[in-house]
Protein backbone atom coordinates (compact mmCIF):
# COMPACT_ATOMS: atom_id res chain seq x y z
CA UNK A 1 -11.73 -20.86 19.14
CA UNK A 2 -9.68 -24.12 19.48
CA UNK A 3 -7.61 -24.98 22.52
CA UNK A 4 -5.87 -28.35 23.41
CA UNK A 5 -4.44 -28.81 26.66
CA UNK A 6 -0.62 -28.52 27.50
CA UNK A 7 1.32 -31.58 28.76
CA UNK A 8 0.19 -33.11 32.17
CA UNK A 9 2.94 -31.50 34.09
CA UNK A 10 2.38 -27.99 35.38
CA UNK A 11 2.96 -25.20 33.02
CA UNK A 12 5.71 -22.99 33.57
CA UNK A 13 3.62 -19.79 32.35
CA UNK A 14 -0.27 -19.36 32.31
CA UNK A 15 -1.80 -16.10 31.42
CA UNK A 16 -5.72 -16.09 31.67
CA UNK A 17 -8.31 -13.65 31.01
CA UNK A 18 -5.91 -10.72 30.17
CA UNK A 19 -7.41 -7.41 29.43
CA UNK A 20 -5.58 -4.22 28.37
CA UNK A 21 -6.98 -1.05 26.91
CA UNK A 22 -5.21 2.08 25.74
CA UNK A 23 -7.59 5.40 25.55
CA UNK A 24 -10.69 3.05 25.58
CA UNK A 25 -9.33 0.82 22.74
CA UNK A 26 -8.98 -2.70 23.72
CA UNK A 27 -5.47 -4.10 22.79
CA UNK A 28 -6.14 -7.40 24.84
CA UNK A 29 -9.57 -8.72 25.14
CA UNK A 30 -9.56 -12.08 27.31
CA UNK A 31 -6.33 -13.14 26.02
CA UNK A 32 -4.70 -16.19 27.21
CA UNK A 33 -1.16 -18.04 26.91
CA UNK A 34 -0.05 -21.19 28.37
CA UNK A 35 3.72 -22.37 27.97
CA UNK A 36 5.04 -25.68 29.10
CA UNK A 37 8.38 -26.38 31.04
CA UNK A 38 10.99 -27.09 28.40
CA UNK A 39 8.72 -26.16 25.58
CA UNK A 40 9.40 -23.98 22.42
CA UNK A 41 6.14 -22.19 21.89
CA UNK A 42 5.38 -20.05 18.95
CA UNK A 43 3.29 -16.95 19.22
CA UNK A 44 1.91 -15.60 16.15
CA UNK A 45 -0.53 -13.19 14.51
CA UNK A 46 -1.03 -10.41 12.21
CA UNK A 47 -0.33 -6.58 12.97
CA UNK A 48 -2.45 -5.43 15.91
CA UNK A 49 -3.15 -9.01 17.20
CA UNK A 50 -1.96 -8.27 20.42
CA UNK A 51 1.34 -10.20 20.57
CA UNK A 52 3.52 -7.25 21.61
CA UNK A 53 1.06 -6.20 24.20
CA UNK A 54 0.86 -9.63 25.59
CA UNK A 55 4.48 -9.92 25.85
CA UNK A 56 4.89 -6.40 27.54
CA UNK A 57 2.13 -7.15 30.15
CA UNK A 58 4.30 -10.32 30.99
CA UNK A 59 7.65 -8.63 31.18
CA UNK A 60 6.11 -5.56 33.13
CA UNK A 61 6.67 -3.07 30.40
CA UNK A 62 2.62 -2.47 30.65
CA UNK A 63 0.41 -3.16 33.65
CA UNK A 64 -2.70 -5.46 33.03
CA UNK A 65 -6.08 -4.16 33.56
CA UNK A 66 -7.53 -7.66 34.40
CA UNK A 67 -6.44 -11.06 34.49
CA UNK A 68 -3.99 -13.58 36.00
CA UNK A 69 -0.34 -14.41 35.35
CA UNK A 70 1.27 -17.41 36.90
CA UNK A 71 5.07 -18.06 36.53
CA UNK A 72 6.76 -21.18 37.89
CA UNK A 73 3.64 -21.89 40.10
CA UNK A 74 3.51 -18.38 41.67
CA UNK A 75 1.23 -15.40 40.91
CA UNK A 76 3.20 -12.55 39.49
CA UNK A 77 2.82 -8.96 38.54
CA UNK A 78 6.14 -7.69 37.44
CA UNK A 79 6.47 -3.79 37.87
CA UNK A 80 9.21 -3.49 34.95
CA UNK A 81 11.28 -5.54 32.64
CA UNK A 82 14.04 -5.57 35.18
CA UNK A 83 11.82 -7.06 37.68
CA UNK A 84 10.87 -9.68 35.15
CA UNK A 85 14.47 -10.33 34.18
CA UNK A 86 15.13 -11.00 37.95
CA UNK A 87 12.25 -13.48 38.04
CA UNK A 88 13.72 -15.54 35.42
CA UNK A 89 12.33 -14.05 32.00
CA UNK A 90 14.54 -12.83 29.49
CA UNK A 91 13.45 -11.05 26.26
CA UNK A 92 15.54 -10.84 22.94
CA UNK A 93 13.71 -8.09 20.84
CA UNK A 94 14.05 -7.95 17.07
CA UNK A 95 16.22 -4.85 17.32
CA UNK A 96 19.03 -5.81 19.68
CA UNK A 97 18.84 -3.63 22.54
CA UNK A 98 22.34 -3.65 23.84
CA UNK A 99 25.14 -1.07 23.74
CA UNK A 100 26.96 -1.01 20.52
CA UNK A 101 30.14 0.82 21.71
CA UNK A 102 30.61 -1.41 24.88
CA UNK A 103 32.57 -4.56 24.38
CA UNK A 104 30.95 -7.93 24.04
CA UNK A 105 31.75 -8.99 27.44
CA UNK A 106 30.40 -5.69 29.02
CA UNK A 107 27.14 -6.31 27.18
CA UNK A 108 26.69 -9.82 28.41
CA UNK A 109 27.10 -8.57 31.95
CA UNK A 110 25.71 -5.10 31.68
CA UNK A 111 24.47 -4.07 35.34
CA UNK A 112 25.88 -7.33 36.71
CA UNK A 113 29.51 -6.83 36.35
CA UNK A 114 31.55 -9.20 38.55
CA UNK A 115 33.35 -7.01 41.27
CA UNK A 116 35.62 -7.46 44.14
CA UNK A 117 35.98 -4.74 46.89
CA UNK A 118 34.15 -2.50 44.45
CA UNK A 119 36.77 -3.12 41.64
CA UNK A 120 35.70 -4.43 38.34
CA UNK A 121 37.18 -7.96 37.92
CA UNK A 122 37.51 -7.59 33.85
CA UNK A 123 39.56 -10.91 33.16
CA UNK A 124 36.65 -12.93 35.26
CA UNK A 125 34.10 -11.10 33.14
CA UNK A 126 35.85 -11.92 29.98
CA UNK A 127 36.58 -15.61 30.71
CA UNK A 128 32.93 -15.96 31.67
CA UNK A 129 31.66 -14.22 28.75
CA UNK A 130 33.95 -16.62 26.34
CA UNK A 131 32.47 -19.57 28.12
CA UNK A 132 28.82 -18.61 27.83
CA UNK A 133 29.35 -17.94 23.94
CA UNK A 134 31.16 -21.11 23.65
CA UNK A 135 28.17 -23.06 24.90
CA UNK A 136 26.34 -21.24 22.04
CA UNK A 137 28.80 -22.43 19.47
CA UNK A 138 30.33 -19.12 19.19
CA UNK A 139 34.10 -18.13 19.35
CA UNK A 140 34.83 -14.31 19.09
CA UNK A 141 36.96 -11.69 20.78
CA UNK A 142 34.80 -10.50 23.87
CA UNK A 143 37.12 -7.46 24.21
CA UNK A 144 35.99 -5.97 20.95
CA UNK A 145 33.03 -3.42 20.59
CA UNK A 146 29.67 -5.12 19.99
CA UNK A 147 29.25 -2.96 17.10
CA UNK A 148 32.38 -4.51 15.27
CA UNK A 149 30.18 -7.73 14.89
CA UNK A 150 27.31 -8.65 12.64
CA UNK A 151 23.67 -8.70 13.50
CA UNK A 152 23.69 -12.31 13.86
CA UNK A 153 26.58 -12.41 16.48
CA UNK A 154 24.89 -9.58 18.25
CA UNK A 155 21.55 -11.74 18.48
CA UNK A 156 23.96 -14.51 20.19
CA UNK A 157 25.24 -12.15 22.64
CA UNK A 158 21.80 -10.91 23.48
CA UNK A 159 21.02 -14.79 24.04
CA UNK A 160 24.20 -15.37 25.90
CA UNK A 161 23.16 -12.28 28.29
CA UNK A 162 19.71 -14.22 28.85
CA UNK A 163 21.49 -17.65 29.72
CA UNK A 164 23.86 -15.80 32.06
CA UNK A 165 20.97 -14.61 34.17
CA UNK A 166 19.52 -18.20 34.48
CA UNK A 167 16.46 -17.46 32.75
CA UNK A 168 13.67 -20.22 32.87
CA UNK A 169 11.88 -18.47 29.94
CA UNK A 170 13.39 -16.66 27.01
CA UNK A 171 11.19 -14.71 24.66
CA UNK A 172 12.62 -14.07 21.14
CA UNK A 173 10.76 -11.47 19.15
CA UNK A 174 11.53 -12.05 15.31
CA UNK A 175 15.04 -13.20 15.98
CA UNK A 176 15.76 -14.50 12.49
CA UNK A 177 14.54 -11.34 10.69
CA UNK A 178 18.29 -10.28 9.79
CA UNK A 179 19.74 -13.60 9.79
CA UNK A 180 20.81 -15.69 6.63
CA UNK A 181 19.91 -19.46 6.39
CA UNK A 182 23.21 -20.71 7.89
CA UNK A 183 22.80 -18.22 10.88
CA UNK A 184 19.16 -19.29 11.27
CA UNK A 185 20.32 -23.11 11.50
CA UNK A 186 22.75 -22.06 14.27
CA UNK A 187 20.11 -20.33 16.26
CA UNK A 188 17.84 -23.19 16.01
CA UNK A 189 20.61 -25.44 17.42
CA UNK A 190 20.75 -23.17 20.39
CA UNK A 191 16.96 -23.05 20.85
CA UNK A 192 17.10 -26.86 20.90
CA UNK A 193 20.16 -26.67 23.27
CA UNK A 194 17.95 -24.51 25.71
CA UNK A 195 15.11 -26.85 25.61
CA UNK A 196 17.32 -29.79 26.51
CA UNK A 197 18.51 -27.72 29.72
CA UNK A 198 14.97 -27.15 30.68
CA UNK A 199 14.55 -23.50 29.56
CA UNK A 200 11.32 -22.67 27.79
CA UNK A 201 11.23 -20.31 24.80
CA UNK A 202 8.44 -18.15 23.32
CA UNK A 203 9.20 -17.80 19.56
CA UNK A 204 7.51 -14.80 17.78
CA UNK A 205 7.81 -15.12 14.02
CA UNK A 206 5.62 -14.86 11.00
CA UNK A 207 7.65 -17.44 8.91
CA UNK A 208 5.53 -20.63 9.09
CA UNK A 209 8.47 -22.89 8.00
CA UNK A 210 10.51 -21.72 10.99
CA UNK A 211 7.74 -22.70 13.41
CA UNK A 212 7.27 -25.98 12.26
CA UNK A 213 11.03 -26.43 12.25
CA UNK A 214 11.77 -25.44 15.96
CA UNK A 215 8.42 -25.12 17.72
CA UNK A 216 6.31 -27.68 19.74
CA UNK A 217 3.19 -25.80 20.35
CA UNK A 218 1.55 -22.74 19.16
CA UNK A 219 -0.79 -19.93 20.11
CA UNK A 220 -2.44 -17.73 17.60
CA UNK A 221 -3.78 -14.26 18.36
CA UNK A 222 -6.32 -12.05 16.52
CA UNK A 223 -7.74 -8.65 17.49
CA UNK A 224 -6.50 -8.91 20.96
CA UNK A 225 -7.85 -12.40 21.55
CA UNK A 226 -6.32 -15.78 21.66
CA UNK A 227 -8.11 -17.79 19.06
CA UNK A 228 -6.08 -20.98 18.78
CA UNK A 229 -3.86 -22.88 20.94
CA UNK A 230 -2.44 -26.40 20.41
CA UNK A 231 0.34 -28.70 19.27
CA UNK A 232 1.80 -27.48 16.10
CA UNK A 233 1.78 -30.92 14.65
CA UNK A 234 -2.01 -30.95 14.77
CA UNK A 235 -2.53 -27.81 12.44
CA UNK A 236 -1.57 -27.34 8.99
CA UNK A 237 -0.05 -24.21 7.34
CA UNK A 238 -3.25 -23.29 5.50
CA UNK A 239 -5.40 -23.76 8.70
CA UNK A 240 -2.80 -21.43 10.68
CA UNK A 241 -3.27 -18.82 7.75
CA UNK A 242 -6.99 -19.04 8.30
CA UNK A 243 -6.80 -18.70 11.99
CA UNK A 244 -4.42 -15.65 11.60
CA UNK A 245 -6.86 -13.84 8.96
CA UNK A 246 -10.00 -15.01 10.75
CA UNK A 247 -11.52 -16.62 7.75
CA UNK A 248 -12.14 -20.21 6.39
CA UNK A 249 -11.22 -21.44 3.00
CA UNK A 250 -14.10 -20.89 0.40
CA UNK A 251 -14.38 -22.49 -2.91
CA UNK A 252 -16.34 -19.81 -4.64
CA UNK A 253 -14.51 -16.87 -6.27
CA UNK A 254 -15.41 -13.50 -4.96
CA UNK A 255 -15.10 -10.91 -7.72
CA UNK A 256 -17.79 -8.56 -6.99
CA UNK A 257 -17.73 -4.84 -7.61
CA UNK A 258 -14.60 -4.64 -10.13
CA UNK A 259 -14.48 -4.99 -13.87
CA UNK A 260 -11.26 -6.32 -15.13
CA UNK A 261 -11.94 -6.10 -18.65
CA UNK A 262 -9.77 -3.53 -20.52
CA UNK A 263 -7.00 -3.62 -17.94
CA UNK A 264 -3.46 -3.99 -18.86
CA UNK A 265 -1.94 -1.69 -21.43
CA UNK A 266 1.99 -1.45 -21.86
CA UNK A 267 4.30 -2.96 -19.29
CA UNK A 268 5.02 -0.10 -16.96
CA UNK A 269 7.15 -1.67 -14.23
CA UNK A 270 9.07 -5.02 -14.41
CA UNK A 271 11.02 -5.87 -11.07
CA UNK A 272 12.91 -9.30 -11.16
CA UNK A 273 15.34 -11.19 -8.90
CA UNK A 274 14.95 -8.58 -6.28
CA UNK A 275 17.17 -9.60 -3.20
CA UNK A 276 17.60 -7.23 -0.12
CA UNK A 277 19.28 -8.80 2.85
CA UNK A 278 17.16 -11.54 4.45
CA UNK A 279 13.71 -9.89 3.73
CA UNK A 280 13.65 -10.44 0.10
CA UNK A 281 15.08 -13.34 -2.02
CA UNK A 282 14.36 -13.44 -5.85
CA UNK A 283 11.06 -11.36 -5.59
CA UNK A 284 9.31 -10.13 -8.79
CA UNK A 285 6.32 -8.09 -9.80
CA UNK A 286 4.93 -6.53 -13.03
CA UNK A 287 2.59 -3.70 -13.49
CA UNK A 288 1.03 -2.45 -16.59
CA UNK A 289 -0.52 0.93 -17.40
CA UNK A 290 -4.26 1.22 -16.33
CA UNK A 291 -3.75 -1.85 -14.09
CA UNK A 292 -4.32 -2.29 -10.23
CA UNK A 293 -1.63 -4.96 -9.19
CA UNK A 294 -2.06 -6.21 -5.48
CA UNK A 295 0.71 -7.53 -3.29
CA UNK A 296 -0.56 -10.13 -1.11
CA UNK A 297 1.34 -11.91 1.81
CA UNK A 298 1.49 -12.52 5.55
CA UNK A 299 3.25 -9.90 7.68
CA UNK A 300 7.02 -10.53 7.23
CA UNK A 301 6.58 -11.84 3.48
CA UNK A 302 8.33 -8.90 2.09
CA UNK A 303 5.53 -6.94 0.62
CA UNK A 304 6.55 -3.34 2.09
CA UNK A 305 10.27 -4.17 1.48
CA UNK A 306 9.65 -4.86 -2.05
CA UNK A 307 7.85 -1.55 -2.41
CA UNK A 308 10.46 0.30 -0.70
CA UNK A 309 13.27 -1.19 -2.91
CA UNK A 310 11.02 -0.22 -6.27
CA UNK A 311 10.82 3.29 -4.83
CA UNK A 312 14.41 3.65 -4.08
CA UNK A 313 14.14 3.76 -0.41
CA UNK A 314 16.26 0.75 -0.06
CA UNK A 315 19.05 -0.56 -2.32
CA UNK A 316 18.65 -4.15 -3.48
CA UNK A 317 21.75 -6.52 -3.11
CA UNK A 318 20.51 -8.27 -6.41
CA UNK A 319 17.87 -7.87 -9.13
CA UNK A 320 16.69 -5.77 -12.11
CA UNK A 321 14.19 -3.16 -12.47
CA UNK A 322 12.61 -1.71 -15.78
CA UNK A 323 10.40 1.10 -16.42
CA UNK A 324 8.72 1.26 -19.47
CA UNK A 325 11.14 -1.32 -20.90
CA UNK A 326 14.17 0.51 -20.03
CA UNK A 327 16.66 -0.69 -17.24
CA UNK A 328 16.74 1.90 -14.27
CA UNK A 329 18.59 2.30 -11.04
CA UNK A 330 16.77 4.39 -8.54
CA UNK A 331 19.23 5.15 -5.86
CA UNK A 332 16.89 7.34 -3.72
CA UNK A 333 13.25 8.20 -3.47
CA UNK A 334 14.13 11.38 -5.18
CA UNK A 335 15.10 9.24 -8.43
CA UNK A 336 11.93 7.49 -8.21
CA UNK A 337 9.86 10.68 -8.12
CA UNK A 338 11.81 12.00 -11.01
CA UNK A 339 11.05 8.74 -12.89
CA UNK A 340 7.33 9.14 -12.31
CA UNK A 341 6.64 7.27 -9.20
CA UNK A 342 4.67 7.96 -6.20
CA UNK A 343 4.52 6.21 -2.62
CA UNK A 344 1.87 6.33 -0.05
CA UNK A 345 3.42 4.73 3.06
CA UNK A 346 1.72 2.26 5.41
CA UNK A 347 2.22 4.44 8.56
CA UNK A 348 0.28 7.47 7.60
CA UNK A 349 0.79 9.31 10.99
CA UNK A 350 4.67 8.55 11.04
CA UNK A 351 5.64 8.62 7.28
CA UNK A 352 2.90 10.52 5.57
CA UNK A 353 1.19 13.72 7.13
CA UNK A 354 3.00 16.43 8.85
CA UNK A 355 0.23 17.10 11.45
CA UNK A 356 0.86 20.65 12.41
CA UNK A 357 0.89 21.73 8.91
CA UNK A 358 -2.47 22.58 6.96
CA UNK A 359 -4.27 20.62 4.26
CA UNK A 360 -2.89 22.82 1.80
CA UNK A 361 0.83 22.51 2.93
CA UNK A 362 0.48 18.74 3.29
CA UNK A 363 -0.98 18.29 -0.36
CA UNK A 364 1.40 20.31 -2.15
CA UNK A 365 4.56 19.23 -0.11
CA UNK A 366 6.05 17.17 -3.07
CA UNK A 367 5.11 19.55 -5.59
CA UNK A 368 6.61 22.77 -3.89
CA UNK A 369 9.85 22.77 -6.43
CA UNK A 370 7.27 22.89 -9.44
CA UNK A 371 5.34 25.74 -7.88
CA UNK A 372 8.33 27.62 -7.09
CA UNK A 373 9.73 30.49 -9.38
CA UNK A 374 13.34 31.88 -8.04
CA UNK A 375 12.80 29.92 -4.91
CA UNK A 376 9.34 31.53 -4.05
CA UNK A 377 6.29 29.56 -4.19
CA UNK A 378 3.46 31.03 -6.33
CA UNK A 379 0.55 31.09 -3.88
CA UNK A 380 -2.07 31.47 -6.69
CA UNK A 381 -1.02 28.37 -8.43
CA UNK A 382 -0.70 26.50 -5.02
CA UNK A 383 -4.23 27.48 -4.09
CA UNK A 384 -5.38 26.47 -7.51
CA UNK A 385 -3.98 22.87 -7.22
CA UNK A 386 -5.41 22.53 -3.89
CA UNK A 387 -8.59 23.64 -4.70
CA UNK A 388 -8.86 21.32 -7.51
CA UNK A 389 -7.83 18.34 -5.54
CA UNK A 390 -10.16 18.86 -2.66
CA UNK A 391 -13.14 18.94 -5.23
CA UNK A 392 -11.80 15.91 -7.39
CA UNK A 393 -11.18 13.68 -4.42
CA UNK A 394 -14.00 14.87 -2.32
CA UNK A 395 -11.79 15.81 0.63
CA UNK A 396 -14.13 16.95 3.53
CA UNK A 397 -12.24 20.00 5.05
CA UNK A 398 -13.38 23.28 6.53
CA UNK A 399 -10.88 24.88 4.21
CA UNK A 400 -7.13 24.55 2.78
CA UNK A 401 -5.70 26.17 6.01
CA UNK A 402 -7.19 23.68 8.39
CA UNK A 403 -4.44 21.58 10.04
CA UNK A 404 -4.48 18.12 8.71
CA UNK A 405 -4.47 16.46 12.09
CA UNK A 406 -8.14 17.63 12.48
CA UNK A 407 -9.28 15.53 9.54
CA UNK A 408 -10.64 12.02 9.88
CA UNK A 409 -8.31 9.16 8.70
CA UNK A 410 -9.97 8.92 5.55
CA UNK A 411 -9.79 12.52 4.50
CA UNK A 412 -5.95 12.52 5.61
CA UNK A 413 -5.36 9.52 3.07
CA UNK A 414 -7.21 11.53 0.54
CA UNK A 415 -4.88 14.27 1.06
CA UNK A 416 -1.71 11.94 0.73
CA UNK A 417 -3.16 10.65 -2.39
CA UNK A 418 -3.64 14.17 -3.73
CA UNK A 419 -0.21 14.95 -2.87
CA UNK A 420 1.21 12.30 -5.31
CA UNK A 421 -1.45 12.63 -8.08
CA UNK A 422 -0.42 16.36 -7.96
CA UNK A 423 3.01 15.14 -9.28
CA UNK A 424 1.11 13.29 -12.28
CA UNK A 425 2.89 10.09 -11.63
CA UNK A 426 2.95 6.99 -13.98
CA UNK A 427 2.98 4.51 -11.21
CA UNK A 428 1.41 4.90 -7.78
CA UNK A 429 2.63 2.49 -4.94
CA UNK A 430 -0.17 2.36 -2.18
CA UNK A 431 0.70 0.54 1.21
CA UNK A 432 -2.28 -0.50 2.97
CA UNK A 433 -4.24 2.54 1.75
CA UNK A 434 -7.31 1.68 3.58
CA UNK A 435 -6.13 0.71 7.09
CA UNK A 436 -7.59 2.53 9.97
CA UNK A 437 -10.20 4.41 8.12
CA UNK A 438 -14.07 3.83 8.29
CA UNK A 439 -15.89 1.76 5.93
CA UNK A 440 -17.61 4.73 4.06
CA UNK A 441 -14.28 6.19 3.41
CA UNK A 442 -12.68 2.95 2.47
CA UNK A 443 -15.29 2.37 -0.32
CA UNK A 444 -14.65 6.08 -1.63
CA UNK A 445 -10.85 5.41 -1.69
CA UNK A 446 -11.19 1.99 -3.36
CA UNK A 447 -13.47 3.71 -6.04
CA UNK A 448 -10.92 6.27 -6.55
CA UNK A 449 -8.14 3.88 -7.16
CA UNK A 450 -10.20 2.14 -9.66
CA UNK A 451 -10.99 5.38 -11.45
CA UNK A 452 -7.24 6.18 -11.64
CA UNK A 453 -6.44 2.86 -13.13
CA UNK A 454 -9.19 3.48 -15.77
CA UNK A 455 -7.41 7.04 -16.53
CA UNK A 456 -4.08 5.00 -17.37
CA UNK A 457 -2.25 5.09 -14.02
CA UNK A 458 -0.54 2.14 -12.78
CA UNK A 459 -1.21 1.14 -9.23
CA UNK A 460 0.73 -1.29 -7.19
CA UNK A 461 -1.21 -1.89 -3.87
CA UNK A 462 -0.35 -3.62 -0.63
CA UNK A 463 -3.24 -5.05 1.40
CA UNK A 464 -3.95 -7.47 4.17
CA UNK A 465 -7.55 -7.65 3.36
CA UNK A 466 -8.28 -10.52 0.84
CA UNK A 467 -11.54 -9.08 -0.45
CA UNK A 468 -9.86 -5.68 -1.07
CA UNK A 469 -7.29 -7.51 -3.34
CA UNK A 470 -9.91 -9.67 -5.04
CA UNK A 471 -12.43 -7.07 -5.60
CA UNK A 472 -10.16 -4.16 -6.37
CA UNK A 473 -7.07 -5.67 -8.44
CA UNK A 474 -6.77 -6.79 -11.88
CA UNK A 475 -3.73 -9.15 -10.77
CA UNK A 476 -2.46 -10.16 -7.33
CA UNK A 477 1.29 -11.25 -6.82
CA UNK A 478 1.82 -13.33 -3.50
CA UNK A 479 4.96 -13.19 -1.49
CA UNK A 480 5.99 -15.73 1.06
CA UNK A 481 9.25 -15.61 2.99
CA UNK A 482 10.54 -12.77 0.67
CA UNK A 483 9.75 -14.79 -2.46
CA UNK A 484 7.14 -14.48 -5.18
CA UNK A 485 5.07 -17.56 -5.02
CA UNK A 486 2.23 -16.84 -7.18
CA UNK A 487 0.89 -14.45 -9.79
CA UNK A 488 -3.07 -14.62 -10.12
CA UNK A 489 -5.46 -13.07 -12.14
CA UNK A 490 -8.84 -13.82 -14.01
CA UNK A 491 -10.52 -16.87 -12.77
CA UNK A 492 -7.49 -17.86 -10.69
CA UNK A 493 -7.70 -14.78 -8.55
CA UNK A 494 -9.77 -16.11 -5.61
CA UNK A 495 -9.35 -16.86 -1.99
CA UNK A 496 -8.41 -20.33 -2.14
CA UNK A 497 -5.52 -19.70 -4.53
CA UNK A 498 -4.21 -16.69 -2.41
CA UNK A 499 -4.58 -18.83 0.87
CA UNK A 500 -2.80 -21.73 -0.42
CA UNK A 501 -0.03 -19.41 -1.85
CA UNK A 502 0.36 -17.63 1.34
CA UNK A 503 0.45 -20.75 3.46
CA UNK A 504 2.47 -23.25 1.05
CA UNK A 505 3.61 -21.71 -2.06
CA UNK A 506 7.18 -21.56 -3.27
CA UNK A 507 9.07 -20.00 -5.96
CA UNK A 508 9.26 -23.33 -7.82
CA UNK A 509 5.42 -23.68 -8.23
CA UNK A 510 4.33 -20.16 -8.97
CA UNK A 511 0.66 -20.08 -9.72
CA UNK A 512 -0.51 -18.42 -13.28
CA UNK A 513 -4.08 -18.08 -14.30
């Protein structure tokens, strides 16, 4: 762990030795965060690193199990976000938590409306709202509903609300995720203005370029712990990626356990120039029959967003997609399924299984229309399909009628794989297929994916584990800030190449073998 001291002046915020557990699972494990006065401080880490928990402990949404928090020189233990706000800490979340149908001015002063003799002073409120937004370089009609303005303006309104409570610390959680480049520059100007006025900012983002553009210091979290803290100028992008992933750059190539020869039949999927809002910008990927293609990138790089566009769950603003050489427009997941695509979501519990239904019902959910005659499901055909896949995939269950919620995470994932394999897809998209399952089940699923590819299935696999990508894919496409920055295969598919692309790659220097 590396920690360099903050400036000689007393810090505005100091969090030390923080512990927080949920049902025995440690979300924070001796975590720390120190933010100086008039400082823009970056807080980064992958999913599950503990960033959100740390912020919620600071703002009173969660109560810490152990540790100390000192703000403006005083020990604090806020009992709620409202108490934290009154204490001088304002939080602006990625999803703007304001009231869309209320006016801009009402949102800025929500709960703090200026009154005289109990009556709302609306003209005073509107003038003050205009003044606050003017200081942020924004001129809008504050009497209009917030919903009538873009996400960027809504972000500015949330920021104006933070400024209006005289916050000494503003926390910004992924504030640029829905902004275009011009709007991002405007926001950065506002952040620099806050710093000049003595306000500190905690800036949470996964876009490394943004961190270096606007932040002074940085704290990196991993697995609930603080693993690095120091001046941003003292650490390179590559070193940051290594700290986030918990691994050092190695020169050797790791290619054990997977045979790449014989891969790559006819081109099955070609997606190029895919643009979707601020999340994807000219992304591209190609998958052949019998090939496992990995999608790599830091959280926020656009991996899941690209998968959703390919599956028709989101519509692109620009780009082209071809299946088996033919241009297609998949306007919904139903179109994608009809075209021979399957998709296992990253969030198995929220978007995959239906907990109260049985293994049988979950496995055949997508197949039901094909199993029905005159609208009635043939129970014999359904039972045969379920029995075949339980045996083929080695699903450990007491029987097809066992509720799927009672199965282990690995066996739940096998049921979801079986759901799509029963549809006989040409291309299967897997978003973090081994996340949250034990080592033994992970190895079984990795082996199964390899077998499916050998049988001719095309697989597009998203994974945050470099070893899983290197050992289990014929090719890896790397995304960074919504762009494809590398396509790696053969001897070029190794940790150094992936890490360099994730940290520093650009669309102009796409790496080929």
